[in-house]
Protein backbone atom coordinates (compact mmCIF):
# COMPACT_ATOMS: atom_id res chain seq x y z
CA UNK A 1 -66.88 -33.79 35.12
CA UNK A 2 -62.98 -32.79 33.99
CA UNK A 3 -63.51 -35.38 31.40
CA UNK A 4 -67.03 -33.35 30.43
CA UNK A 5 -65.28 -30.46 29.67
CA UNK A 6 -62.36 -32.13 28.30
CA UNK A 7 -64.81 -33.45 25.92
CA UNK A 8 -66.52 -29.84 24.63
CA UNK A 9 -63.23 -28.29 24.09
CA UNK A 10 -61.78 -30.43 22.32
CA UNK A 11 -64.87 -31.56 19.90
CA UNK A 12 -65.24 -27.62 19.20
CA UNK A 13 -61.14 -27.58 18.87
CA UNK A 14 -60.27 -30.57 16.77
CA UNK A 15 -63.31 -32.32 15.47
CA UNK A 16 -64.45 -29.36 13.00
CA UNK A 17 -61.10 -27.02 13.63
CA UNK A 18 -61.63 -23.70 12.87
CA UNK A 19 -63.90 -22.49 10.32
CA UNK A 20 -61.51 -21.00 7.84
CA UNK A 21 -63.48 -19.18 5.39
CA UNK A 22 -66.39 -18.97 7.38
CA UNK A 23 -68.85 -16.71 6.11
CA UNK A 24 -69.13 -13.39 8.00
CA UNK A 25 -72.04 -11.62 9.83
CA UNK A 26 -73.17 -9.82 6.80
CA UNK A 27 -71.87 -6.39 6.44
CA UNK A 28 -72.60 -3.41 5.43
CA UNK A 29 -72.69 -2.49 2.02
CA UNK A 30 -69.87 -2.69 -0.87
CA UNK A 31 -68.61 -6.57 -1.21
CA UNK A 32 -65.89 -6.82 -3.69
CA UNK A 33 -63.92 -8.86 -5.16
CA UNK A 34 -59.65 -8.60 -5.83
CA UNK A 35 -60.22 -8.18 -9.67
CA UNK A 36 -63.25 -5.44 -8.91
CA UNK A 37 -60.62 -3.65 -6.78
CA UNK A 38 -58.24 -3.54 -9.17
CA UNK A 39 -60.46 -2.33 -12.21
CA UNK A 40 -61.46 0.42 -9.73
CA UNK A 41 -57.97 1.26 -8.71
CA UNK A 42 -57.23 1.59 -12.42
CA UNK A 43 -59.98 3.78 -13.03
CA UNK A 44 -59.64 5.84 -9.70
CA UNK A 45 -56.22 6.27 -8.92
CA UNK A 46 -55.02 9.53 -8.39
CA UNK A 47 -51.44 8.26 -9.04
CA UNK A 48 -52.71 6.84 -12.23
CA UNK A 49 -54.83 9.55 -13.67
CA UNK A 50 -51.30 11.95 -12.76
CA UNK A 51 -49.81 9.68 -14.97
CA UNK A 52 -52.21 9.72 -17.56
CA UNK A 53 -52.44 13.74 -17.68
CA UNK A 54 -49.09 14.00 -18.13
CA UNK A 55 -48.89 11.57 -21.26
CA UNK A 56 -51.80 14.32 -22.27
CA UNK A 57 -49.30 16.92 -21.79
CA UNK A 58 -46.79 15.44 -24.03
CA UNK A 59 -48.99 15.17 -26.75
CA UNK A 60 -50.13 18.91 -26.28
CA UNK A 61 -46.08 19.39 -26.41
CA UNK A 62 -45.67 16.97 -29.71
CA UNK A 63 -48.39 19.38 -31.53
CA UNK A 64 -46.33 22.59 -30.23
CA UNK A 65 -43.32 20.89 -31.62
CA UNK A 66 -44.98 20.81 -35.13
CA UNK A 67 -45.62 24.33 -35.34
CA UNK A 68 -43.47 26.84 -37.22
CA UNK A 69 -42.59 29.66 -35.60
CA UNK A 70 -44.94 33.20 -36.17
CA UNK A 71 -44.15 35.70 -38.12
CA UNK A 72 -43.42 39.23 -36.70
CA UNK A 73 -45.36 42.68 -37.86
CA UNK A 74 -43.68 45.72 -36.82
CA UNK A 75 -44.61 49.00 -37.03
CA UNK A 76 -42.86 52.26 -36.79
CA UNK A 77 -43.61 55.84 -37.57
CA UNK A 78 -41.42 59.22 -37.40
CA UNK A 79 -42.97 62.76 -37.06
CA UNK A 80 -41.24 66.20 -37.65
CA UNK A 81 -41.68 68.90 -35.50
CA UNK A 82 -43.01 70.15 -39.00
CA UNK A 83 -45.55 68.51 -41.48
CA UNK A 84 -43.06 65.63 -42.41
CA UNK A 85 -43.93 62.33 -41.14
CA UNK A 86 -42.89 58.97 -41.62
CA UNK A 87 -44.82 55.47 -41.77
CA UNK A 88 -43.44 52.10 -41.70
CA UNK A 89 -45.19 48.64 -41.86
CA UNK A 90 -42.48 45.63 -42.15
CA UNK A 91 -43.34 41.33 -41.55
CA UNK A 92 -40.79 39.07 -40.61
CA UNK A 93 -40.74 35.31 -41.49
CA UNK A 94 -38.14 33.25 -39.65
CA UNK A 95 -37.60 30.35 -42.18
CA UNK A 96 -36.94 27.82 -39.28
CA UNK A 97 -33.81 25.57 -41.57
CA UNK A 98 -31.53 22.98 -41.28
CA UNK A 99 -34.29 20.41 -39.80
CA UNK A 100 -35.19 22.32 -36.78
CA UNK A 101 -38.85 21.66 -36.94
CA UNK A 102 -38.21 17.60 -37.37
CA UNK A 103 -35.59 17.95 -34.26
CA UNK A 104 -38.40 19.36 -32.07
CA UNK A 105 -40.99 16.82 -33.17
CA UNK A 106 -38.57 13.87 -32.98
CA UNK A 107 -38.04 14.76 -29.14
CA UNK A 108 -41.62 15.16 -28.74
CA UNK A 109 -42.88 12.21 -30.45
CA UNK A 110 -40.07 9.91 -28.54
CA UNK A 111 -41.60 12.12 -25.24
CA UNK A 112 -45.00 10.18 -26.27
CA UNK A 113 -43.86 6.94 -26.42
CA UNK A 114 -42.08 7.16 -22.97
CA UNK A 115 -45.08 8.94 -21.42
CA UNK A 116 -47.58 6.38 -22.40
CA UNK A 117 -45.18 3.37 -21.23
CA UNK A 118 -44.84 4.95 -17.83
CA UNK A 119 -48.54 4.68 -17.56
CA UNK A 120 -48.57 1.33 -18.35
CA UNK A 121 -45.91 0.69 -15.78
CA UNK A 122 -47.80 2.61 -13.67
CA UNK A 123 -50.83 0.21 -14.10
CA UNK A 124 -48.95 -3.28 -13.49
CA UNK A 125 -47.32 -1.84 -10.06
CA UNK A 126 -50.89 -1.14 -9.10
CA UNK A 127 -51.95 -4.22 -9.61
CA UNK A 128 -49.69 -5.67 -8.11
CA UNK A 129 -49.92 -3.64 -5.34
CA UNK A 130 -53.57 -4.10 -4.70
CA UNK A 131 -53.23 -7.93 -4.99
CA UNK A 132 -50.89 -7.56 -2.00
CA UNK A 133 -52.69 -5.26 0.18
CA UNK A 134 -55.78 -7.57 -0.54
CA UNK A 135 -53.68 -10.83 0.83
CA UNK A 136 -52.74 -8.86 3.87
CA UNK A 137 -56.43 -7.84 4.64
CA UNK A 138 -57.17 -11.87 4.08
CA UNK A 139 -54.63 -12.80 5.72
CA UNK A 140 -54.99 -10.85 8.54
CA UNK A 141 -58.85 -12.21 8.33
CA UNK A 142 -58.02 -15.24 8.39
CA UNK A 143 -56.01 -15.02 11.45
CA UNK A 144 -58.80 -13.12 13.57
CA UNK A 145 -61.55 -16.04 12.47
CA UNK A 146 -58.73 -18.80 13.67
CA UNK A 147 -58.44 -16.66 17.17
CA UNK A 148 -61.93 -15.44 17.40
CA UNK A 149 -62.92 -19.45 16.68
CA UNK A 150 -60.80 -20.77 19.98
CA UNK A 151 -62.04 -17.82 21.37
CA UNK A 152 -65.72 -18.64 21.60
CA UNK A 153 -65.31 -22.11 22.34
CA UNK A 154 -62.61 -21.30 25.43
CA UNK A 155 -65.46 -18.86 26.79
CA UNK A 156 -68.11 -21.73 26.71
CA UNK A 157 -65.32 -23.94 28.46
CA UNK A 158 -64.48 -21.38 30.60
CA UNK A 159 -68.09 -21.19 31.70
CA UNK A 160 -68.05 -24.68 32.38
CA UNK A 161 -64.98 -25.26 34.43
CA UNK A 162 -66.15 -22.42 36.41
CA UNK A 163 -69.27 -23.78 37.09
CA UNK A 164 -67.55 -27.27 37.97
CA UNK A 165 -65.07 -25.16 40.04
CA UNK A 166 -68.00 -23.42 42.28
CA UNK A 167 -69.43 -26.95 42.93
CA UNK A 168 -66.23 -28.41 43.96
CA UNK A 169 -65.73 -30.79 41.40
CA UNK A 170 -62.58 -29.04 39.48
CA UNK A 171 -60.01 -27.21 41.56
CA UNK A 172 -60.58 -23.76 41.24
CA UNK A 173 -56.62 -22.80 39.41
CA UNK A 174 -58.51 -24.30 36.36
CA UNK A 175 -60.46 -22.11 36.25
CA UNK A 176 -58.03 -19.35 36.68
CA UNK A 177 -55.70 -20.96 33.69
CA UNK A 178 -58.71 -21.20 31.27
CA UNK A 179 -59.08 -17.49 32.22
CA UNK A 180 -56.03 -16.48 31.69
CA UNK A 181 -55.96 -18.36 27.93
CA UNK A 182 -59.71 -16.51 27.27
CA UNK A 183 -58.31 -12.85 28.12
CA UNK A 184 -55.03 -13.49 26.01
CA UNK A 185 -57.21 -15.19 22.95
CA UNK A 186 -59.52 -11.97 23.16
CA UNK A 187 -56.04 -9.70 23.32
CA UNK A 188 -54.98 -11.33 20.26
CA UNK A 189 -58.41 -11.19 18.75
CA UNK A 190 -58.52 -7.40 19.61
CA UNK A 191 -55.11 -6.84 17.90
CA UNK A 192 -56.15 -8.73 14.78
CA UNK A 193 -59.09 -6.92 14.14
CA UNK A 194 -56.83 -3.42 14.34
CA UNK A 195 -54.36 -5.18 11.49
CA UNK A 196 -57.88 -5.92 9.70
CA UNK A 197 -58.82 -2.44 9.85
CA UNK A 198 -55.68 -0.63 8.93
CA UNK A 199 -55.00 -2.98 6.17
CA UNK A 200 -58.51 -2.39 4.31
CA UNK A 201 -57.65 1.54 5.07
CA UNK A 202 -54.75 1.31 3.03
CA UNK A 203 -56.19 -0.93 0.18
CA UNK A 204 -58.77 2.01 0.67
CA UNK A 205 -56.18 4.27 -0.24
CA UNK A 206 -54.49 2.20 -3.43
CA UNK A 207 -58.18 2.32 -4.83
CA UNK A 208 -59.60 5.23 -3.81
CA UNK A 209 -61.87 4.43 -2.03
CA UNK A 210 -63.46 6.69 0.45
CA UNK A 211 -61.94 6.24 3.94
CA UNK A 212 -65.97 6.28 5.38
CA UNK A 213 -67.19 4.12 3.27
CA UNK A 214 -67.43 0.56 4.22
CA UNK A 215 -65.65 -2.18 2.43
CA UNK A 216 -65.83 -6.11 2.71
CA UNK A 217 -63.33 -8.07 0.28
CA UNK A 218 -64.60 -11.52 -0.77
CA UNK A 219 -62.30 -14.60 -1.57
CA UNK A 220 -59.76 -15.85 0.15
CA UNK A 221 -55.81 -16.66 -0.27
CA UNK A 222 -56.48 -19.99 -1.82
CA UNK A 223 -58.10 -18.22 -4.75
CA UNK A 224 -54.55 -17.20 -6.31
CA UNK A 225 -54.77 -19.20 -9.97
CA UNK A 226 -50.88 -20.74 -10.70
CA UNK A 227 -48.77 -18.86 -12.92
CA UNK A 228 -49.71 -19.30 -16.33
CA UNK A 229 -46.44 -19.77 -18.14
CA UNK A 230 -43.30 -20.83 -16.89
CA UNK A 231 -39.79 -19.29 -15.76
CA UNK A 232 -38.40 -19.18 -19.56
CA UNK A 233 -41.18 -17.56 -20.99
CA UNK A 234 -42.16 -15.26 -18.50
CA UNK A 235 -38.62 -13.71 -18.98
CA UNK A 236 -39.00 -13.95 -22.84
CA UNK A 237 -42.20 -12.04 -22.76
CA UNK A 238 -41.05 -9.67 -19.91
CA UNK A 239 -38.10 -8.67 -22.26
CA UNK A 240 -40.62 -8.37 -25.38
CA UNK A 241 -43.29 -6.47 -23.41
CA UNK A 242 -42.64 -4.93 -19.81
CA UNK A 243 -43.81 -1.37 -19.77
CA UNK A 244 -40.74 0.19 -17.52
CA UNK A 245 -38.35 -1.32 -20.27
CA UNK A 246 -40.08 0.16 -22.87
CA UNK A 247 -40.14 3.57 -21.39
CA UNK A 248 -35.94 3.15 -20.95
CA UNK A 249 -35.65 2.47 -24.40
CA UNK A 250 -38.07 5.42 -25.31
CA UNK A 251 -36.03 7.46 -23.05
CA UNK A 252 -32.77 6.52 -24.81
CA UNK A 253 -34.51 6.88 -27.95
CA UNK A 254 -35.60 10.75 -26.83
CA UNK A 255 -31.94 11.40 -25.84
CA UNK A 256 -30.92 10.54 -29.48
CA UNK A 257 -33.30 12.53 -31.04
CA UNK A 258 -32.14 15.53 -28.61
CA UNK A 259 -29.04 15.38 -29.99
CA UNK A 260 -29.96 15.80 -33.23
CA UNK A 261 -32.53 18.94 -32.08
CA UNK A 262 -29.33 20.28 -30.49
CA UNK A 263 -27.15 19.74 -33.56
CA UNK A 264 -29.87 21.42 -35.50
CA UNK A 265 -30.19 24.75 -33.39
CA UNK A 266 -26.26 25.07 -33.77
CA UNK A 267 -26.81 25.56 -37.38
CA UNK A 268 -26.79 28.79 -39.30
CA UNK A 269 -30.64 30.03 -39.93
CA UNK A 270 -32.11 32.56 -41.42
CA UNK A 271 -35.51 35.03 -41.80
CA UNK A 272 -37.05 36.66 -44.34
CA UNK A 273 -38.51 40.15 -44.35
CA UNK A 274 -40.64 42.69 -46.22
CA UNK A 275 -41.71 46.35 -45.14
CA UNK A 276 -43.53 49.03 -47.07
CA UNK A 277 -42.47 53.06 -46.13
CA UNK A 278 -44.63 55.95 -46.88
CA UNK A 279 -43.12 59.14 -46.67
CA UNK A 280 -44.46 62.66 -46.33
CA UNK A 281 -41.69 65.04 -47.14
CA UNK A 282 -41.29 68.60 -48.08
CA UNK A 283 -39.88 72.68 -47.19
CA UNK A 284 -42.00 74.23 -44.65
CA UNK A 285 -42.57 77.93 -45.91
CA UNK A 286 -41.38 77.43 -49.26
CA UNK A 287 -43.08 77.19 -52.38
CA UNK A 288 -42.17 75.95 -56.15
CA UNK A 289 -43.95 76.43 -59.63
CA UNK A 290 -46.52 73.98 -61.16
CA UNK A 291 -46.52 72.89 -64.62
CA UNK A 292 -49.19 76.07 -65.34
CA UNK A 293 -47.27 78.57 -63.72
CA UNK A 294 -48.76 78.27 -60.04
CA UNK A 295 -47.27 77.83 -57.11
CA UNK A 296 -47.61 75.15 -54.54
CA UNK A 297 -46.13 74.40 -51.06
CA UNK A 298 -42.63 72.27 -51.84
CA UNK A 299 -44.34 68.86 -50.00
CA UNK A 300 -45.08 65.41 -51.26
CA UNK A 301 -45.93 61.68 -50.24
CA UNK A 302 -43.11 58.56 -51.71
CA UNK A 303 -43.73 55.03 -51.44
CA UNK A 304 -41.06 52.59 -50.73
CA UNK A 305 -41.14 49.10 -50.71
CA UNK A 306 -38.20 46.73 -49.71
CA UNK A 307 -37.18 43.63 -48.46
CA UNK A 308 -34.22 41.56 -46.75
CA UNK A 309 -32.69 38.31 -45.54
CA UNK A 310 -31.18 38.28 -41.80
CA UNK A 311 -28.43 35.02 -41.35
CA UNK A 312 -27.54 33.87 -38.43
CA UNK A 313 -24.11 32.68 -38.48
CA UNK A 314 -23.07 30.39 -35.96
CA UNK A 315 -19.95 31.42 -35.71
CA UNK A 316 -19.28 31.46 -31.73
CA UNK A 317 -22.27 29.73 -30.42
CA UNK A 318 -22.95 26.57 -32.29
CA UNK A 319 -24.59 25.11 -29.50
CA UNK A 320 -21.88 23.10 -28.89
CA UNK A 321 -22.75 22.59 -24.60
CA UNK A 322 -26.06 21.69 -25.58
CA UNK A 323 -25.29 18.81 -27.93
CA UNK A 324 -22.42 17.44 -25.21
CA UNK A 325 -24.98 17.21 -22.73
CA UNK A 326 -27.76 15.66 -25.20
CA UNK A 327 -24.82 12.96 -25.81
CA UNK A 328 -24.25 11.96 -22.13
CA UNK A 329 -27.70 12.12 -21.62
CA UNK A 330 -28.00 9.22 -24.28
CA UNK A 331 -25.09 7.39 -23.02
CA UNK A 332 -26.51 7.14 -19.51
CA UNK A 333 -29.94 6.31 -20.76
CA UNK A 334 -28.43 3.39 -22.48
CA UNK A 335 -27.00 2.56 -19.18
CA UNK A 336 -30.18 2.56 -17.72
CA UNK A 337 -31.91 -0.05 -20.13
CA UNK A 338 -29.05 -2.51 -19.59
CA UNK A 339 -30.02 -1.92 -15.97
CA UNK A 340 -33.87 -2.63 -16.81
CA UNK A 341 -32.88 -5.81 -18.62
CA UNK A 342 -30.89 -7.13 -15.80
CA UNK A 343 -33.59 -6.36 -12.95
CA UNK A 344 -36.23 -7.81 -15.16
CA UNK A 345 -34.14 -10.78 -15.41
CA UNK A 346 -33.35 -11.15 -11.71
CA UNK A 347 -37.09 -10.18 -10.32
CA UNK A 348 -38.11 -13.30 -13.00
CA UNK A 349 -35.86 -15.67 -11.29
CA UNK A 350 -36.91 -14.31 -7.80
CA UNK A 351 -40.67 -14.67 -8.23
CA UNK A 352 -40.68 -17.83 -9.28
CA UNK A 353 -37.82 -19.03 -6.54
CA UNK A 354 -40.04 -17.65 -4.23
CA UNK A 355 -43.30 -19.60 -5.83
CA UNK A 356 -42.04 -22.96 -6.10
CA UNK A 357 -40.26 -22.30 -2.25
CA UNK A 358 -43.86 -21.12 -0.83
CA UNK A 359 -45.79 -23.68 -2.68
CA UNK A 360 -43.85 -26.83 -1.49
CA UNK A 361 -43.91 -25.11 2.35
CA UNK A 362 -47.75 -24.80 1.96
CA UNK A 363 -47.94 -28.50 0.69
CA UNK A 364 -46.14 -29.35 4.14
CA UNK A 365 -48.18 -27.16 6.13
CA UNK A 366 -51.16 -28.81 4.34
CA UNK A 367 -50.23 -32.81 4.76
CA UNK A 368 -47.67 -33.02 7.39
CA UNK A 369 -48.18 -30.02 9.60
CA UNK A 370 -51.97 -28.71 10.38
CA UNK A 371 -53.19 -32.67 10.61
CA UNK A 372 -50.62 -33.58 13.07
CA UNK A 373 -50.57 -30.71 14.71
CA UNK A 374 -54.80 -31.79 15.21
CA UNK A 375 -53.66 -35.34 15.95
CA UNK A 376 -51.29 -33.92 19.14
CA UNK A 377 -54.16 -31.69 20.67
CA UNK A 378 -56.01 -35.08 20.11
CA UNK A 379 -53.75 -37.51 22.00
CA UNK A 380 -53.06 -34.71 24.87
CA UNK A 381 -56.99 -34.51 25.12
CA UNK A 382 -57.09 -38.45 25.33
CA UNK A 383 -54.31 -38.20 28.27
CA UNK A 384 -55.99 -35.34 29.73
CA UNK A 385 -59.68 -37.53 30.15
CA UNK A 386 -57.39 -40.25 31.33
CA UNK A 387 -56.17 -38.39 34.24
CA UNK A 388 -52.70 -38.44 33.15
CA UNK A 389 -52.31 -35.28 31.96
CA UNK A 390 -53.41 -31.34 33.14
CA UNK A 391 -55.40 -28.50 31.61
CA UNK A 392 -51.92 -26.64 31.17
CA UNK A 393 -51.12 -29.45 28.91
CA UNK A 394 -53.88 -28.61 26.99
CA UNK A 395 -53.91 -25.22 26.88
CA UNK A 396 -49.97 -25.70 25.71
CA UNK A 397 -50.75 -27.55 22.89
CA UNK A 398 -53.37 -25.60 21.80
CA UNK A 399 -51.59 -22.62 21.66
CA UNK A 400 -49.24 -24.15 19.71
CA UNK A 401 -51.76 -25.09 17.26
CA UNK A 402 -53.25 -21.70 17.34
CA UNK A 403 -49.07 -21.03 15.84
CA UNK A 404 -49.41 -23.32 13.38
CA UNK A 405 -52.59 -22.10 11.99
CA UNK A 406 -51.12 -18.58 11.64
CA UNK A 407 -48.30 -20.27 9.90
CA UNK A 408 -50.45 -21.35 7.37
CA UNK A 409 -51.85 -18.17 7.25
CA UNK A 410 -48.48 -17.08 6.61
CA UNK A 411 -47.72 -19.84 3.79
CA UNK A 412 -50.83 -19.62 1.83
CA UNK A 413 -49.91 -15.47 1.71
CA UNK A 414 -46.29 -15.81 0.58
CA UNK A 415 -48.02 -18.16 -2.09
CA UNK A 416 -50.36 -15.64 -2.93
CA UNK A 417 -47.96 -13.10 -3.26
CA UNK A 418 -45.35 -15.06 -5.09
CA UNK A 419 -47.95 -15.90 -7.95
CA UNK A 420 -48.42 -11.72 -8.13
CA UNK A 421 -44.89 -11.25 -7.87
CA UNK A 422 -44.46 -13.25 -11.40
CA UNK A 423 -47.57 -11.24 -12.39
CA UNK A 424 -45.56 -8.47 -12.20
CA UNK A 425 -42.25 -9.55 -12.98
CA UNK A 426 -43.51 -10.74 -16.13
CA UNK A 427 -45.45 -8.06 -17.01
CA UNK A 428 -48.97 -9.89 -17.35
CA UNK A 429 -52.44 -8.54 -16.33
CA UNK A 430 -55.27 -10.29 -15.19
């Protein structure tokens, strides 16, 4: 009877092994691939949409920078206690000289470039974040499948051993040992279910998926293609195209443009004004003779036209402080470019190193660990069948097998993440 139970347990565990990737009982609504989630995140992520809105705001500031200052209309009047009055209309036009407009436009153009590169960089990082979080979901789901399969097998065996124990064919201790193992696997399964749920919620947040809506991620960890480029090509491509480096360069260009703008603001400027004045003037109570010998009040209307040129003389304030600050900002921006270049090189080297190491680890697991673990469990089963081993030996070896399968899951996830990291570091999109 003991041999019959071991045969049931061993055939279920060893013969087929855990059926990784087995179709789940079919579910709710939305089944999506990782690529579809990435596309949704790029279209719906509030953070990306906010970055795009910032870029649109920068374009608005560019339009504003190209506009000349508005003319100023001045209206005035005076009224004496008598009949005299004076009305004045003036128009003042700022000339905006010494390349002030060019300075403003130059800064605004560089800002637009920087904001657009920042949008592209945020999309690059979001793409990698979604794929990495999807790997967490797939890895937790694979561990859940492995544990669930073993739990089902052990429950079947527990039913069989319980029946044999009640008939006195096996010691009650064996039923208790197997019951402990079933409960341990059940507790692990429940923890893994919660991990899958938590990772799925985090994935929903990244992709702007409604938290209450169902989400089923299709695919598995083995679906990540190998890197499309080698290490040297990745470095060259990243230095030529990566958005955060382009954004740093645009920031430095904007800082240099600010120097020219602040220098222009410190030079002389002028405004031109024209005015018209209508004066109604006379002497109250006095009359004079007309050319025909009559009399009339001494009162008449006088019209004046004039103009003026107002010049701002930069004698005390030549905007020296802002020019100095702009130069310091430009120097800091240049240093940030150097830092970004170093970071790009380091990230690519680290990503390829990680990928190569994890790929070797996965190959060892696939060829020299999982197969050996299955063989070891088979040997323990046969030993138990011959009466030279105990149920505890089988349970111990089964636990080791579970650890190895979860280690294999971790290796799969690390290879997947390393491939995603190469994509993120090189600035490639897929």
